[in-house]
Amino acid sequence: MSRIIWVRSEVFDHGVFNTSIRWSSSKVLTFITTLQSHMATTTLSKEAWLDLSVSKCKPALSETEASTYWSVFSVLQQSILGDPGDVMDIRLIGIMLICQIFSSTRAKEAQAKSEAWNERAPGSLSPRSSPRGGAKTSSSHGTSGTGRGAELTQALHGFVKQHLGAWLQIVSLSLQTDPSVITSEEFDILGLVLCGGTSKTQPLWKLSDALPDLASKSSMAAADLRKAVGKLLSWNEDIYTIDVAKDGLEPRAKTLNLSNVLKGIWFHRPHNAEIEYLNISDCKDSTIYVTARIRFCLITGCENTTIILGGVSTICTTHNCEKVSIHVAAHCYKMENCIDTSAFLYCHLPPIITGDTRGIKLAPYNVLHSHMASVLHGSQMTLDREFVDIWAHPICCTAGMAGETLTRTTREALFEEQNTTYHFVHPSKFFPVVVPETGPRGVAPQLVLPEVYDKAMKERQEEIRELMSQMRNLSSESAQRKAQDRLQSCFKDWLQSTGKVRQLSDLAKFAAQFQQRL
């Protein structure tokens, strides 16, 4: 029976990010060597990791870098391997540190060729580069019809073949010399970044099962194993499709790619769909609604775009974006190389801010939708007061912060713009986002907000009730009509000044087209 091996793209999409250390294979091997020398076993807790990686390892990490690596690596471990995130094997950490080389290598190649590079679509930037530099994205790229492109698949395959030897050194803990033999148990550890299957739709339980000789003999010469992996390595388009989604059509694979939406609205239906991998790239001056259950979400290369999401059960990453507003309930949220971007969040882990990121606004999750309760429940992101203010304590290791997270000593300081990396949306400027719906609606879920935001919301609701009461108490019908006309006129002026007239028009057209398809 034939076998194939493919790269887990989500590991590179979300597990690679910018810190002060430029990793190489030799640096990773040295780091794992010093880490192992201070351990009695191969597993360690978060507390031990933070202590050893900061004070004992070479190269040493900062506290924020160590926290960032642990958060992302443990989330990927739990989602892909099913292991709880309270402990980690140092071999898994080593594998993920090798992955950090990927983006820096691609960025250097792109700079040498004087062209921008983006793993999602031609024409956008490397995860290591700043959105302030390099070429802007262009809607003309949409004619290619692909969301990923051959560049990413070729780069990942080349990376795996080039660094497979280092991975084998790490899983066998033969950190000083190349191992001669690899056992099936050691090879299975690479299941974090590779997957095997009898076909692209039938993954195997263990990676070693993709190599019958290894599975039957329980060990294999390292040289022969590397050759076998090279022959079996293939891109899995059934899971990671390169096709860009068409309006109103459901994707044929587990991946939904939205790319080059320009001055428009994209509305994903139905709300009860399940999306494994959502990739939103190179969208400009647009509004995107995806209210389905999502496992991984990557937003890259977008500008002046509002993105409203439901629940992301694993991780949501935003990078290389400018003037974007993201609204999401995500188990883990990560932002890199973003400028003047807002994030309205509900999360279980502190948000992660890395790279050349500045001018960020943070606020609590504010999406209202009649089906949102079931969507959030299905993605294991049900709003719980236990996590009401996690979004307000980000792990910040950007260049401007020198690896230090901000400290806030007073409630007023929460909303002062006293640093270039991030600040919080003032409660007086915090409003809910209501997802447009047609037909009968259920009961919208209640937002879970910190006290200061909840109080401000209730005060505005009371103001509206008082206004409606004053309207009803006007002395005559003519006075009521005059007041209504005045309100409508002001509302129209507001729609024009904010550019939301086009959004309403696009939504109306979209609803009509959707009804025609039905």
Protein backbone atom coordinates (compact mmCIF):
# COMPACT_ATOMS: atom_id res chain seq x y z
CA MET A 1 0.00 0.00 0.00
CA SER A 2 1.35 3.43 -1.00
CA ARG A 3 2.25 6.01 1.60
CA ILE A 4 2.78 9.78 1.59
CA ILE A 5 4.14 12.34 4.08
CA TRP A 6 3.11 15.97 4.17
CA VAL A 7 4.11 19.09 6.09
CA ARG A 8 1.72 20.46 8.71
CA SER A 9 1.40 23.95 7.32
CA GLU A 10 -0.32 25.28 10.45
CA VAL A 11 2.88 24.82 12.46
CA PHE A 12 4.76 27.21 10.19
CA ASP A 13 1.79 29.56 9.80
CA HIS A 14 1.40 30.10 13.53
CA GLY A 15 4.48 28.71 15.27
CA VAL A 16 7.12 30.91 13.60
CA PHE A 17 7.55 34.47 14.82
CA ASN A 18 10.08 37.22 15.33
CA THR A 19 12.18 37.52 18.50
CA SER A 20 15.61 38.97 19.25
CA ILE A 21 17.39 35.68 18.48
CA ARG A 22 18.09 34.70 14.88
CA TRP A 23 18.08 30.95 15.19
CA SER A 24 20.29 28.56 13.24
CA SER A 25 20.60 24.79 13.48
CA SER A 26 23.80 25.09 15.52
CA LYS A 27 22.21 27.58 17.92
CA VAL A 28 19.20 25.33 18.45
CA LEU A 29 21.38 22.28 19.11
CA THR A 30 23.49 24.26 21.58
CA PHE A 31 20.36 25.56 23.29
CA ILE A 32 18.86 22.07 23.68
CA THR A 33 22.21 20.70 24.85
CA THR A 34 22.46 23.23 27.69
CA LEU A 35 18.79 22.79 28.52
CA GLN A 36 19.17 19.00 28.76
CA SER A 37 22.24 19.30 30.96
CA HIS A 38 20.12 20.86 33.71
CA MET A 39 17.33 18.26 33.55
CA ALA A 40 16.89 14.75 34.89
CA THR A 41 14.21 13.84 32.31
CA THR A 42 13.21 15.09 28.87
CA THR A 43 10.03 16.81 30.07
CA LEU A 44 9.68 20.04 31.97
CA SER A 45 6.96 22.30 33.35
CA LYS A 46 6.35 25.90 32.36
CA GLU A 47 7.99 27.12 35.57
CA ALA A 48 11.12 25.06 34.92
CA TRP A 49 11.20 26.23 31.29
CA LEU A 50 11.02 29.90 32.26
CA ASP A 51 13.81 29.45 34.79
CA LEU A 52 16.18 27.38 32.67
CA SER A 53 15.70 29.11 29.32
CA VAL A 54 16.35 32.53 30.84
CA SER A 55 19.19 31.76 33.27
CA LYS A 56 20.89 28.53 32.16
CA CYS A 57 20.62 28.12 28.40
CA LYS A 58 22.82 29.41 25.59
CA PRO A 59 21.63 31.54 23.92
CA ALA A 60 19.54 32.85 26.82
CA LEU A 61 15.97 34.03 26.25
CA SER A 62 14.29 37.01 27.83
CA GLU A 63 11.35 36.27 30.11
CA THR A 64 8.84 37.52 27.55
CA GLU A 65 10.45 35.48 24.76
CA ALA A 66 10.38 32.37 26.94
CA SER A 67 6.71 32.97 27.79
CA THR A 68 5.87 33.54 24.13
CA TYR A 69 7.57 30.34 22.98
CA TRP A 70 5.89 28.29 25.69
CA SER A 71 2.42 29.67 24.94
CA VAL A 72 2.56 29.01 21.21
CA PHE A 73 4.47 25.70 21.33
CA SER A 74 2.20 24.22 24.03
CA VAL A 75 -0.94 25.27 22.14
CA LEU A 76 0.31 23.56 18.97
CA GLN A 77 1.34 20.49 20.94
CA GLN A 78 -2.09 20.19 22.49
CA SER A 79 -3.98 20.79 19.24
CA ILE A 80 -1.89 18.52 16.98
CA LEU A 81 -0.69 15.77 19.32
CA GLY A 82 -3.48 15.92 21.88
CA ASP A 83 -1.01 16.24 24.76
CA PRO A 84 -1.94 18.63 27.59
CA GLY A 85 0.02 21.86 27.59
CA ASP A 86 1.14 21.80 31.23
CA VAL A 87 4.40 19.97 30.40
CA MET A 88 6.51 19.75 27.26
CA ASP A 89 9.22 17.47 25.96
CA ILE A 90 12.43 19.34 25.19
CA ARG A 91 12.61 17.48 21.88
CA LEU A 92 9.33 19.07 20.80
CA ILE A 93 10.72 22.45 21.83
CA GLY A 94 13.83 21.76 19.76
CA ILE A 95 11.74 20.83 16.72
CA MET A 96 9.80 24.09 16.98
CA LEU A 97 12.96 26.14 17.43
CA ILE A 98 14.32 24.66 14.19
CA CYS A 99 11.10 25.85 12.54
CA GLN A 100 12.02 29.42 13.53
CA ILE A 101 14.75 29.34 10.89
CA PHE A 102 12.19 29.08 8.11
CA SER A 103 11.01 32.67 7.89
CA SER A 104 14.41 34.32 8.31
CA THR A 105 15.76 32.17 5.49
CA ARG A 106 12.87 33.06 3.21
CA ALA A 107 13.11 36.75 4.06
CA LYS A 108 16.81 36.86 3.21
CA GLU A 109 16.16 35.15 -0.10
CA ALA A 110 13.35 37.57 -0.87
CA GLN A 111 15.49 40.60 -0.02
CA ALA A 112 18.32 39.29 -2.17
CA LYS A 113 15.91 39.12 -5.09
CA SER A 114 14.50 42.59 -4.22
CA GLU A 115 10.97 41.30 -4.20
CA ALA A 116 8.30 40.98 -1.52
CA TRP A 117 7.31 37.55 -0.33
CA ASN A 118 4.23 36.23 1.40
CA GLU A 119 3.44 32.63 2.19
CA ARG A 120 -0.22 33.20 1.40
CA ALA A 121 -0.30 35.03 -1.91
CA PRO A 122 2.16 36.52 -4.36
CA GLY A 123 3.09 40.08 -3.55
CA SER A 124 2.96 40.43 0.22
CA LEU A 125 5.63 40.33 2.88
CA SER A 126 7.76 37.88 4.78
CA PRO A 127 6.84 37.24 8.43
CA ARG A 128 10.24 38.61 9.37
CA SER A 129 9.86 41.91 7.52
CA SER A 130 8.14 45.10 8.63
CA PRO A 131 4.91 46.28 6.99
CA ARG A 132 6.46 49.75 6.78
CA GLY A 133 9.03 48.48 4.29
CA GLY A 134 8.66 46.60 1.05
CA ALA A 135 6.02 46.69 -1.62
CA LYS A 136 2.36 47.13 -0.91
CA THR A 137 -0.03 44.39 -1.84
CA SER A 138 -2.04 44.67 -5.01
CA SER A 139 -5.41 43.39 -6.02
CA SER A 140 -3.96 42.33 -9.36
CA HIS A 141 -2.52 39.32 -7.61
CA GLY A 142 -5.99 37.88 -7.36
CA THR A 143 -5.87 36.76 -10.96
CA SER A 144 -3.58 33.92 -10.02
CA GLY A 145 -6.48 32.07 -8.42
CA THR A 146 -4.35 30.69 -5.60
CA GLY A 147 -4.20 31.57 -1.95
CA ARG A 148 -0.88 29.92 -1.12
CA GLY A 149 1.02 29.57 -4.36
CA ALA A 150 3.74 27.15 -5.34
CA GLU A 151 6.37 29.28 -3.58
CA LEU A 152 5.18 28.23 -0.12
CA THR A 153 4.92 24.52 -0.89
CA GLN A 154 8.35 24.43 -2.52
CA ALA A 155 9.89 26.44 0.31
CA LEU A 156 8.45 24.17 2.99
CA HIS A 157 9.54 21.01 1.21
CA GLY A 158 13.03 22.41 0.71
CA PHE A 159 13.18 23.43 4.36
CA VAL A 160 12.14 19.97 5.60
CA LYS A 161 14.71 18.21 3.43
CA GLN A 162 17.45 20.62 4.47
CA HIS A 163 16.74 20.48 8.22
CA LEU A 164 15.53 16.90 8.60
CA GLY A 165 19.01 15.94 9.81
CA ALA A 166 18.85 18.50 12.64
CA TRP A 167 15.39 17.26 13.60
CA LEU A 168 16.70 13.68 13.76
CA GLN A 169 19.55 14.80 15.99
CA ILE A 170 17.02 16.41 18.34
CA VAL A 171 14.53 13.53 18.53
CA SER A 172 17.36 11.06 19.18
CA LEU A 173 19.12 13.52 21.53
CA SER A 174 22.30 12.90 19.55
CA LEU A 175 23.07 16.60 19.74
CA GLN A 176 26.82 16.50 19.08
CA THR A 177 26.95 14.08 16.13
CA ASP A 178 24.61 12.76 13.47
CA PRO A 179 22.71 9.69 14.70
CA SER A 180 23.31 6.42 12.88
CA VAL A 181 19.94 4.83 13.72
CA ILE A 182 16.48 6.29 14.43
CA THR A 183 13.82 4.33 16.28
CA SER A 184 10.14 4.47 15.39
CA GLU A 185 9.37 6.14 18.74
CA GLU A 186 11.91 8.87 18.01
CA PHE A 187 10.60 9.43 14.49
CA ASP A 188 7.03 9.69 15.78
CA ILE A 189 8.01 12.82 17.73
CA LEU A 190 8.24 14.57 14.34
CA GLY A 191 4.49 14.08 14.12
CA LEU A 192 4.29 17.64 15.44
CA VAL A 193 5.45 18.98 12.06
CA LEU A 194 4.90 16.06 9.66
CA CYS A 195 1.96 13.77 9.01
CA GLY A 196 1.81 10.47 7.15
CA GLY A 197 -1.09 8.78 5.43
CA THR A 198 -2.17 6.03 3.09
CA SER A 199 -3.68 8.87 1.05
CA LYS A 200 -4.13 12.62 1.41
CA THR A 201 -7.51 12.06 3.04
CA GLN A 202 -6.50 9.15 5.31
CA PRO A 203 -3.85 10.19 7.86
CA LEU A 204 -2.13 7.51 9.87
CA TRP A 205 -2.20 7.45 13.65
CA LYS A 206 1.61 7.39 13.89
CA LEU A 207 4.11 9.02 11.55
CA SER A 208 6.32 5.92 11.58
CA ASP A 209 3.51 3.91 9.96
CA ALA A 210 4.20 5.86 6.77
CA LEU A 211 7.50 3.94 6.55
CA PRO A 212 6.68 0.20 6.64
CA ASP A 213 10.35 -0.78 7.07
CA LEU A 214 10.64 1.46 10.13
CA ALA A 215 7.33 0.33 11.59
CA SER A 216 8.13 -3.38 11.18
CA LYS A 217 11.74 -3.27 12.43
CA SER A 218 11.25 -0.49 15.04
CA SER A 219 14.44 1.23 13.83
CA MET A 220 16.06 2.39 10.62
CA ALA A 221 19.38 3.80 9.49
CA ALA A 222 19.19 7.58 9.63
CA ALA A 223 20.56 7.98 6.10
CA ASP A 224 17.98 5.58 4.67
CA LEU A 225 15.21 7.31 6.64
CA ARG A 226 16.10 10.71 5.22
CA LYS A 227 16.01 9.32 1.67
CA ALA A 228 12.64 7.65 2.31
CA VAL A 229 11.10 10.83 3.70
CA GLY A 230 12.38 12.82 0.72
CA LYS A 231 10.67 10.43 -1.71
CA LEU A 232 7.35 10.40 0.17
CA LEU A 233 7.14 14.15 0.83
CA SER A 234 4.15 15.69 -0.91
CA TRP A 235 1.88 18.73 -0.56
CA ASN A 236 -1.58 17.80 0.74
CA GLU A 237 -3.94 19.95 -1.31
CA ASP A 238 -6.92 18.03 0.08
CA ILE A 239 -6.22 19.59 3.49
CA TYR A 240 -4.30 22.74 2.55
CA THR A 241 -5.97 23.77 -0.69
CA ILE A 242 -4.37 26.55 -2.73
CA ASP A 243 -7.72 27.60 -4.20
CA VAL A 244 -9.25 30.96 -3.27
CA ALA A 245 -12.88 30.75 -2.12
CA LYS A 246 -15.62 32.01 -4.38
CA ASP A 247 -18.43 34.17 -2.99
CA GLY A 248 -21.16 32.00 -1.50
CA LEU A 249 -19.47 28.69 -2.31
CA GLU A 250 -18.24 26.37 0.41
CA PRO A 251 -14.61 25.22 0.13
CA ARG A 252 -13.99 21.69 -1.06
CA ALA A 253 -11.20 21.15 1.45
CA LYS A 254 -10.62 21.85 5.12
CA THR A 255 -8.94 25.16 4.23
CA LEU A 256 -10.82 28.36 3.37
CA ASN A 257 -8.66 30.95 1.60
CA LEU A 258 -9.99 34.50 1.27
CA SER A 259 -7.68 36.67 -0.79
CA ASN A 260 -7.69 40.08 -2.48
CA VAL A 261 -11.12 41.23 -1.35
CA LEU A 262 -10.99 44.88 -2.45
CA LYS A 263 -13.54 47.48 -1.32
CA GLY A 264 -16.18 44.86 -0.69
CA ILE A 265 -17.89 42.64 1.83
CA TRP A 266 -17.31 38.92 2.18
CA PHE A 267 -19.88 37.03 4.23
CA HIS A 268 -19.34 33.36 5.02
CA ARG A 269 -22.42 31.17 5.35
CA PRO A 270 -23.59 29.04 7.06
CA HIS A 271 -22.79 29.82 10.68
CA ASN A 272 -22.76 26.12 11.64
CA ALA A 273 -19.91 25.26 9.25
CA GLU A 274 -16.56 24.00 10.54
CA ILE A 275 -13.34 25.41 9.08
CA GLU A 276 -10.03 23.81 9.96
CA TYR A 277 -7.80 26.47 8.45
CA LEU A 278 -8.98 29.99 7.61
CA ASN A 279 -6.48 32.16 5.72
CA ILE A 280 -7.34 35.80 5.00
CA SER A 281 -4.74 37.59 2.89
CA ASP A 282 -4.22 40.80 0.94
CA CYS A 283 -7.67 42.27 1.60
CA LYS A 284 -8.05 46.04 1.44
CA ASP A 285 -10.81 48.50 2.39
CA SER A 286 -13.21 45.64 3.06
CA THR A 287 -15.36 44.00 5.73
CA ILE A 288 -15.21 40.23 6.25
CA TYR A 289 -17.61 38.15 8.33
CA VAL A 290 -16.87 34.51 9.14
CA THR A 291 -19.17 33.26 11.89
CA ALA A 292 -18.31 29.57 11.56
CA ARG A 293 -16.31 27.45 13.98
CA ILE A 294 -12.62 27.79 13.17
CA ARG A 295 -9.60 25.81 14.35
CA PHE A 296 -6.72 27.95 12.99
CA CYS A 297 -6.97 31.45 11.54
CA LEU A 298 -4.20 33.38 9.77
CA ILE A 299 -4.68 37.02 8.73
CA THR A 300 -1.86 38.51 6.69
CA GLY A 301 -1.12 41.44 4.40
CA CYS A 302 -4.47 43.20 4.97
CA GLU A 303 -5.05 46.95 5.13
CA ASN A 304 -8.00 49.13 6.22
CA THR A 305 -10.11 46.02 6.71
CA THR A 306 -12.52 44.92 9.44
CA ILE A 307 -12.62 41.19 10.18
CA ILE A 308 -15.39 39.78 12.38
CA LEU A 309 -14.96 36.17 13.47
CA GLY A 310 -16.64 33.69 15.76
CA GLY A 311 -14.63 31.21 17.80
CA VAL A 312 -11.09 30.05 16.98
CA SER A 313 -10.39 26.97 19.07
CA THR A 314 -6.59 26.91 18.70
CA ILE A 315 -4.79 30.05 17.55
CA CYS A 316 -5.45 33.20 15.53
CA THR A 317 -2.45 35.00 14.07
CA THR A 318 -2.43 38.49 12.56
CA HIS A 319 0.72 39.70 10.85
CA ASN A 320 1.91 42.23 8.30
CA CYS A 321 -1.33 44.17 8.60
CA GLU A 322 -2.00 47.89 8.80
CA LYS A 323 -5.13 49.69 10.04
CA VAL A 324 -7.02 46.44 10.49
CA SER A 325 -9.74 45.79 13.08
CA ILE A 326 -10.01 42.17 14.20
CA HIS A 327 -12.86 40.89 16.41
CA VAL A 328 -12.33 37.31 17.60
CA ALA A 329 -12.72 34.88 20.49
CA ALA A 330 -9.58 32.75 20.24
CA HIS A 331 -7.90 30.33 22.63
CA CYS A 332 -4.58 31.99 21.73
CA TYR A 333 -4.13 35.24 19.80
CA LYS A 334 -0.84 36.40 18.27
CA MET A 335 0.02 39.63 16.47
CA GLU A 336 3.27 40.33 14.61
CA ASN A 337 4.53 43.16 12.41
CA CYS A 338 1.25 45.09 12.58
CA ILE A 339 0.71 48.85 12.67
CA ASP A 340 -2.29 50.91 13.81
CA THR A 341 -4.35 47.75 14.24
CA SER A 342 -7.15 47.06 16.73
CA ALA A 343 -7.92 43.71 18.34
CA PHE A 344 -11.19 43.11 20.22
CA LEU A 345 -10.45 39.88 22.04
CA TYR A 346 -11.67 37.15 24.28
CA CYS A 347 -8.91 34.63 24.90
CA HIS A 348 -7.77 31.97 27.36
CA LEU A 349 -4.09 32.92 27.14
CA PRO A 350 -2.51 36.38 27.23
CA PRO A 351 -2.27 37.85 23.72
CA ILE A 352 1.19 37.75 22.15
CA ILE A 353 2.63 40.85 20.45
CA THR A 354 5.93 40.44 18.59
CA GLY A 355 8.04 41.90 15.82
CA ASP A 356 7.78 45.44 14.48
CA THR A 357 4.37 46.14 15.99
CA ARG A 358 3.14 49.55 17.16
CA GLY A 359 0.05 51.69 17.54
CA ILE A 360 -2.06 48.72 18.67
CA LYS A 361 -5.43 49.08 20.38
CA LEU A 362 -6.76 46.28 22.57
CA ALA A 363 -10.30 45.84 23.86
CA PRO A 364 -12.67 43.08 24.97
CA TYR A 365 -14.59 40.92 22.48
CA ASN A 366 -17.66 42.80 21.23
CA VAL A 367 -19.44 40.69 18.58
CA LEU A 368 -23.19 40.07 18.83
CA HIS A 369 -24.91 37.45 16.69
CA SER A 370 -27.98 35.33 17.34
CA HIS A 371 -26.06 32.08 16.69
CA MET A 372 -22.83 33.15 18.37
CA ALA A 373 -23.52 31.21 21.57
CA SER A 374 -23.63 27.90 19.68
CA VAL A 375 -20.63 28.87 17.54
CA LEU A 376 -18.53 29.75 20.59
CA HIS A 377 -19.65 26.62 22.40
CA GLY A 378 -18.76 24.45 19.39
CA SER A 379 -15.28 25.97 19.25
CA GLN A 380 -14.79 25.60 23.02
CA MET A 381 -14.71 29.38 23.40
CA THR A 382 -17.85 29.91 25.48
CA LEU A 383 -17.60 33.30 27.19
CA ASP A 384 -16.56 32.76 30.80
CA ARG A 385 -15.98 35.49 33.37
CA GLU A 386 -12.85 33.68 34.52
CA PHE A 387 -11.09 34.98 31.39
CA VAL A 388 -12.80 38.39 31.24
CA ASP A 389 -9.58 40.45 31.31
CA ILE A 390 -6.93 38.11 29.87
CA TRP A 391 -6.86 40.24 26.73
CA ALA A 392 -5.58 43.19 28.82
CA HIS A 393 -2.34 41.45 29.89
CA PRO A 394 -0.42 40.83 26.65
CA ILE A 395 3.00 39.25 26.40
CA CYS A 396 4.85 41.99 24.58
CA CYS A 397 8.29 41.34 23.11
CA THR A 398 8.40 43.86 20.30
CA ALA A 399 11.46 45.86 19.35
CA GLY A 400 10.01 48.97 20.98
CA MET A 401 9.39 47.25 24.30
CA ALA A 402 12.81 45.60 24.65
CA GLY A 403 11.15 42.41 25.84
CA GLU A 404 9.27 44.07 28.74
CA THR A 405 5.54 43.86 29.24
CA LEU A 406 3.73 47.00 30.30
CA THR A 407 2.67 47.48 33.89
CA ARG A 408 -0.45 49.47 34.78
CA THR A 409 -0.69 50.84 38.29
CA THR A 410 -3.98 52.70 38.06
CA ARG A 411 -7.25 52.27 36.20
CA GLU A 412 -6.72 55.61 34.43
CA ALA A 413 -3.33 54.47 33.15
CA LEU A 414 -5.04 51.68 31.23
CA PHE A 415 -6.20 54.17 28.61
CA GLU A 416 -3.24 56.51 28.36
CA GLU A 417 -1.33 56.36 25.08
CA GLN A 418 2.05 56.37 26.81
CA ASN A 419 3.93 53.88 24.64
CA THR A 420 4.22 53.13 20.96
CA THR A 421 3.28 49.45 21.12
CA TYR A 422 -0.24 49.27 22.51
CA HIS A 423 -2.92 50.89 24.59
CA PHE A 424 -6.53 50.12 25.46
CA VAL A 425 -9.70 51.36 23.82
CA HIS A 426 -11.37 53.83 26.16
CA PRO A 427 -14.75 52.58 27.48
CA SER A 428 -16.46 55.69 26.11
CA LYS A 429 -15.39 54.62 22.60
CA PHE A 430 -16.23 50.94 23.01
CA PHE A 431 -19.26 49.71 21.04
CA PRO A 432 -20.59 46.26 20.11
CA VAL A 433 -20.40 44.90 16.55
CA VAL A 434 -23.66 43.35 15.36
CA VAL A 435 -23.42 40.74 12.60
CA PRO A 436 -26.08 41.36 9.89
CA GLU A 437 -28.70 38.61 9.69
CA THR A 438 -31.75 37.79 7.63
CA GLY A 439 -34.89 36.00 8.80
CA PRO A 440 -35.86 35.23 12.38
CA ARG A 441 -33.18 35.65 15.01
CA GLY A 442 -32.49 33.79 18.17
CA VAL A 443 -31.38 35.39 21.39
CA ALA A 444 -28.01 37.11 21.08
CA PRO A 445 -25.47 36.10 23.73
CA GLN A 446 -24.48 38.54 26.43
CA LEU A 447 -20.98 39.92 26.19
CA VAL A 448 -18.59 39.18 29.04
CA LEU A 449 -16.91 42.50 29.82
CA PRO A 450 -14.68 43.98 32.50
CA GLU A 451 -16.61 46.16 34.92
CA VAL A 452 -15.48 49.49 33.45
CA TYR A 453 -16.61 48.50 29.92
CA ASP A 454 -19.82 46.91 31.15
CA LYS A 455 -20.72 50.08 33.04
CA ALA A 456 -20.06 52.28 30.01
CA MET A 457 -22.22 50.01 27.81
CA LYS A 458 -25.12 50.16 30.26
CA GLU A 459 -24.87 53.94 30.49
CA ARG A 460 -25.17 54.24 26.69
CA GLN A 461 -28.11 51.84 26.66
CA GLU A 462 -29.79 53.99 29.27
CA GLU A 463 -29.17 57.09 27.14
CA ILE A 464 -30.88 55.40 24.19
CA ARG A 465 -33.85 54.41 26.33
CA GLU A 466 -34.18 57.99 27.55
CA LEU A 467 -34.03 59.29 23.96
CA MET A 468 -36.75 56.86 22.86
CA SER A 469 -38.87 57.90 25.83
CA GLN A 470 -38.48 61.56 24.88
CA MET A 471 -39.53 60.74 21.31
CA ARG A 472 -42.65 58.98 22.50
CA ASN A 473 -43.54 61.87 24.82
CA LEU A 474 -43.44 64.55 22.14
CA SER A 475 -46.63 66.58 22.16
CA SER A 476 -47.78 65.94 18.59
CA GLU A 477 -47.31 63.62 15.62
CA SER A 478 -45.79 66.46 13.61
CA ALA A 479 -43.17 67.00 16.31
CA GLN A 480 -42.39 63.27 16.30
CA ARG A 481 -42.02 63.24 12.51
CA LYS A 482 -39.78 66.31 12.65
CA ALA A 483 -37.56 64.66 15.26
CA GLN A 484 -37.42 61.42 13.27
CA ASP A 485 -36.51 63.31 10.10
CA ARG A 486 -33.75 65.09 11.96
CA LEU A 487 -32.39 61.80 13.33
CA GLN A 488 -32.50 60.19 9.89
CA SER A 489 -30.69 63.16 8.37
CA CYS A 490 -27.95 62.96 10.98
CA PHE A 491 -27.72 59.21 10.44
CA LYS A 492 -27.34 59.65 6.68
CA ASP A 493 -24.62 62.25 7.23
CA TRP A 494 -22.81 59.81 9.53
CA LEU A 495 -23.08 57.02 6.95
CA GLN A 496 -21.61 59.28 4.29
CA SER A 497 -18.78 60.63 6.46
CA THR A 498 -17.72 57.18 7.66
CA GLY A 499 -18.03 55.45 4.28
CA LYS A 500 -20.54 52.94 5.63
CA VAL A 501 -23.07 53.67 2.87
CA ARG A 502 -21.08 51.37 0.61
CA GLN A 503 -21.07 48.67 3.27
CA LEU A 504 -24.86 48.79 3.57
CA SER A 505 -25.21 48.70 -0.20
CA ASP A 506 -22.83 45.74 -0.47
CA LEU A 507 -24.70 43.87 2.26
CA ALA A 508 -28.02 44.43 0.48
CA LYS A 509 -26.58 43.15 -2.81
CA PHE A 510 -24.99 40.19 -1.07
CA ALA A 511 -28.27 39.25 0.62
CA ALA A 512 -30.11 39.44 -2.71
CA GLN A 513 -27.51 37.27 -4.44
CA PHE A 514 -27.65 34.74 -1.62
CA GLN A 515 -31.45 34.50 -1.88
CA GLN A 516 -31.15 33.94 -5.64
CA ARG A 517 -28.73 31.06 -5.09
CA LEU A 518 -31.11 29.53 -2.56
